[in-house]
Amino acid sequence: MKKEKIYNKIIRIIREMYEIQTPVIKDVKEILIKKGYTVNYSGAMSSYSGSYQLSHATGEEHKILIPFLSKERENMLLAEALFEIETGMQDHAECKNLARRLMIPTKEFLQQVNKNESEGHRINISKVAVHFYIDESSVIARGRELGIFDIL
């Protein structure tokens, strides 16, 4: 419970720092660029690796190098990088966790799950992912974290 409160505070601080007013974030790259960060693409990086590279230039400027990905996967990867930059956290699992919480706020997520649930209690994960501009695997991971998708 204590960890949950800390995560929520971190998310709130990041939303304030980056002036994120809406629960859904369409384009993380745009937000990072507005803050002065550089995002570049590399064909040498495997799109299957799910990783990025950070390099620190002079001062507060950061350069983020990512593989060519779908926009949805790119959003999640850049959200992870954002947390590494802002928190200094080197633990990629924690950065992913925080990125999912930022990109998929609980209240909005529960609304989307209810909206996209069929009579057979099946949830259209694709529609939920489209709503949040993220990949389906992130939706599934968030659902598991919240105890909603315990079967998947």
Protein backbone atom coordinates (compact mmCIF):
# COMPACT_ATOMS: atom_id res chain seq x y z
CA MET A 1 0.00 0.00 0.00
CA LYS A 2 2.84 2.36 0.83
CA LYS A 3 4.51 1.67 -2.51
CA GLU A 4 1.21 2.42 -4.28
CA LYS A 5 1.05 5.86 -2.64
CA ILE A 6 4.64 6.60 -3.64
CA TYR A 7 3.95 5.58 -7.24
CA ASN A 8 0.84 7.79 -7.33
CA LYS A 9 2.84 10.76 -6.03
CA ILE A 10 5.56 10.22 -8.63
CA ILE A 11 2.93 10.08 -11.40
CA ARG A 12 1.28 13.26 -10.10
CA ILE A 13 4.63 15.07 -10.01
CA ILE A 14 5.52 13.96 -13.55
CA ARG A 15 2.12 15.09 -14.84
CA GLU A 16 2.67 18.50 -13.24
CA MET A 17 6.28 18.83 -14.46
CA TYR A 18 5.32 17.98 -18.03
CA GLU A 19 2.04 19.92 -17.85
CA ILE A 20 0.01 16.86 -18.83
CA GLN A 21 -3.63 17.90 -18.45
CA THR A 22 -5.44 14.90 -19.92
CA PRO A 23 -5.56 11.31 -18.65
CA VAL A 24 -4.68 9.99 -22.13
CA ILE A 25 -1.29 10.90 -23.63
CA LYS A 26 -1.28 10.71 -27.43
CA ASP A 27 2.36 11.44 -28.12
CA VAL A 28 5.10 11.04 -25.50
CA LYS A 29 7.76 12.07 -28.03
CA GLU A 30 6.12 15.48 -28.43
CA ILE A 31 6.10 15.99 -24.66
CA LEU A 32 9.80 15.11 -24.38
CA ILE A 33 10.75 17.40 -27.27
CA LYS A 34 8.87 20.31 -25.64
CA LYS A 35 11.07 19.79 -22.58
CA GLY A 36 14.19 20.02 -24.74
CA TYR A 37 15.01 16.35 -25.09
CA THR A 38 16.07 14.82 -28.39
CA VAL A 39 14.57 11.59 -29.71
CA ASN A 40 16.38 9.79 -32.53
CA TYR A 41 15.76 6.50 -34.28
CA SER A 42 18.30 3.77 -34.95
CA GLY A 43 18.02 1.02 -37.51
CA ALA A 44 20.88 -0.74 -35.73
CA MET A 45 18.75 -1.32 -32.63
CA SER A 46 16.46 -4.33 -32.70
CA SER A 47 12.78 -3.46 -32.54
CA TYR A 48 12.34 -6.71 -30.59
CA SER A 49 14.68 -5.70 -27.80
CA GLY A 50 12.24 -3.25 -26.25
CA SER A 51 15.09 -1.05 -25.12
CA TYR A 52 16.33 2.49 -25.57
CA GLN A 53 19.63 4.24 -25.01
CA LEU A 54 20.08 7.46 -23.07
CA SER A 55 23.00 9.76 -23.59
CA HIS A 56 23.58 12.87 -21.57
CA ALA A 57 24.80 15.89 -23.42
CA THR A 58 25.80 19.12 -21.75
CA GLY A 59 23.63 20.40 -18.94
CA GLU A 60 20.15 18.94 -18.60
CA GLU A 61 19.80 17.86 -22.22
CA HIS A 62 19.19 14.17 -22.81
CA LYS A 63 19.25 12.29 -26.07
CA ILE A 64 17.08 9.21 -26.37
CA LEU A 65 17.86 6.65 -29.04
CA ILE A 66 15.11 4.16 -29.87
CA PRO A 67 14.53 1.50 -32.53
CA PHE A 68 11.92 1.96 -35.24
CA LEU A 69 8.65 0.85 -33.62
CA SER A 70 4.91 1.24 -33.94
CA LYS A 71 3.69 4.54 -32.49
CA GLU A 72 1.98 2.65 -29.67
CA ARG A 73 5.11 0.77 -28.63
CA GLU A 74 7.17 3.94 -29.07
CA ASN A 75 4.89 5.77 -26.62
CA MET A 76 5.49 3.17 -23.91
CA LEU A 77 9.24 3.00 -24.51
CA LEU A 78 9.59 6.78 -24.35
CA ALA A 79 7.47 6.89 -21.19
CA GLU A 80 9.94 4.43 -19.65
CA ALA A 81 12.84 6.65 -20.71
CA LEU A 82 11.06 9.67 -19.20
CA PHE A 83 11.01 7.95 -15.80
CA GLU A 84 14.66 6.97 -16.02
CA ILE A 85 15.56 10.58 -16.84
CA GLU A 86 13.40 12.21 -14.17
CA THR A 87 13.85 9.74 -11.32
CA GLY A 88 17.37 8.53 -12.07
CA MET A 89 16.04 5.01 -11.65
CA GLN A 90 18.13 2.40 -13.45
CA ASP A 91 15.68 -0.44 -12.75
CA HIS A 92 13.88 -0.93 -16.07
CA ALA A 93 11.10 -3.00 -14.47
CA GLU A 94 10.24 -0.09 -12.16
CA CYS A 95 10.42 2.39 -15.04
CA LYS A 96 8.04 0.18 -17.06
CA ASN A 97 5.68 -0.04 -14.11
CA LEU A 98 5.62 3.74 -13.71
CA ALA A 99 5.25 4.22 -17.47
CA ARG A 100 2.16 2.00 -17.50
CA ARG A 101 0.68 3.92 -14.59
CA LEU A 102 1.29 7.21 -16.40
CA MET A 103 -0.05 6.04 -19.74
CA ILE A 104 -2.96 4.00 -18.34
CA PRO A 105 -4.49 5.80 -15.34
CA THR A 106 -6.55 3.43 -13.18
CA LYS A 107 -9.87 5.29 -13.32
CA GLU A 108 -9.78 5.74 -17.09
CA PHE A 109 -8.59 2.15 -17.54
CA LEU A 110 -11.49 0.71 -15.55
CA GLN A 111 -13.93 2.81 -17.60
CA GLN A 112 -12.43 1.49 -20.84
CA VAL A 113 -12.50 -2.11 -19.61
CA ASN A 114 -16.20 -1.77 -18.75
CA LYS A 115 -16.93 -0.03 -22.04
CA ASN A 116 -15.17 -2.75 -24.06
CA GLU A 117 -16.46 -5.79 -22.19
CA SER A 118 -18.84 -8.09 -24.05
CA GLU A 119 -21.72 -10.09 -22.61
CA GLY A 120 -19.42 -13.12 -22.37
CA HIS A 121 -17.14 -11.10 -20.07
CA ARG A 122 -14.50 -10.81 -22.77
CA ILE A 123 -12.64 -7.56 -23.02
CA ASN A 124 -11.58 -6.17 -26.37
CA ILE A 125 -7.98 -5.40 -25.44
CA SER A 126 -7.27 -3.93 -28.88
CA LYS A 127 -9.88 -1.21 -28.38
CA VAL A 128 -8.53 -0.40 -24.93
CA ALA A 129 -5.00 -0.14 -26.36
CA VAL A 130 -6.19 2.15 -29.17
CA HIS A 131 -7.88 4.43 -26.63
CA PHE A 132 -4.61 4.89 -24.72
CA TYR A 133 -2.31 5.01 -27.80
CA ILE A 134 -0.28 2.07 -26.49
CA ASP A 135 0.42 -1.55 -27.39
CA GLU A 136 -1.78 -4.44 -26.30
CA SER A 137 0.90 -6.06 -24.14
CA SER A 138 0.97 -2.93 -21.96
CA VAL A 139 -2.81 -3.11 -21.53
CA ILE A 140 -2.52 -6.75 -20.46
CA ALA A 141 0.32 -5.96 -18.03
CA ARG A 142 -1.67 -3.09 -16.48
CA GLY A 143 -4.74 -5.31 -16.17
CA ARG A 144 -2.67 -7.92 -14.37
CA GLU A 145 -1.24 -5.29 -12.01
CA LEU A 146 -4.78 -4.29 -11.10
CA GLY A 147 -5.94 -7.90 -10.75
CA ILE A 148 -8.41 -7.61 -13.63
CA PHE A 149 -6.72 -9.87 -16.17
CA ASP A 150 -5.70 -12.72 -13.92
CA ILE A 151 -6.58 -15.33 -16.58
CA LEU A 152 -4.37 -13.94 -19.36
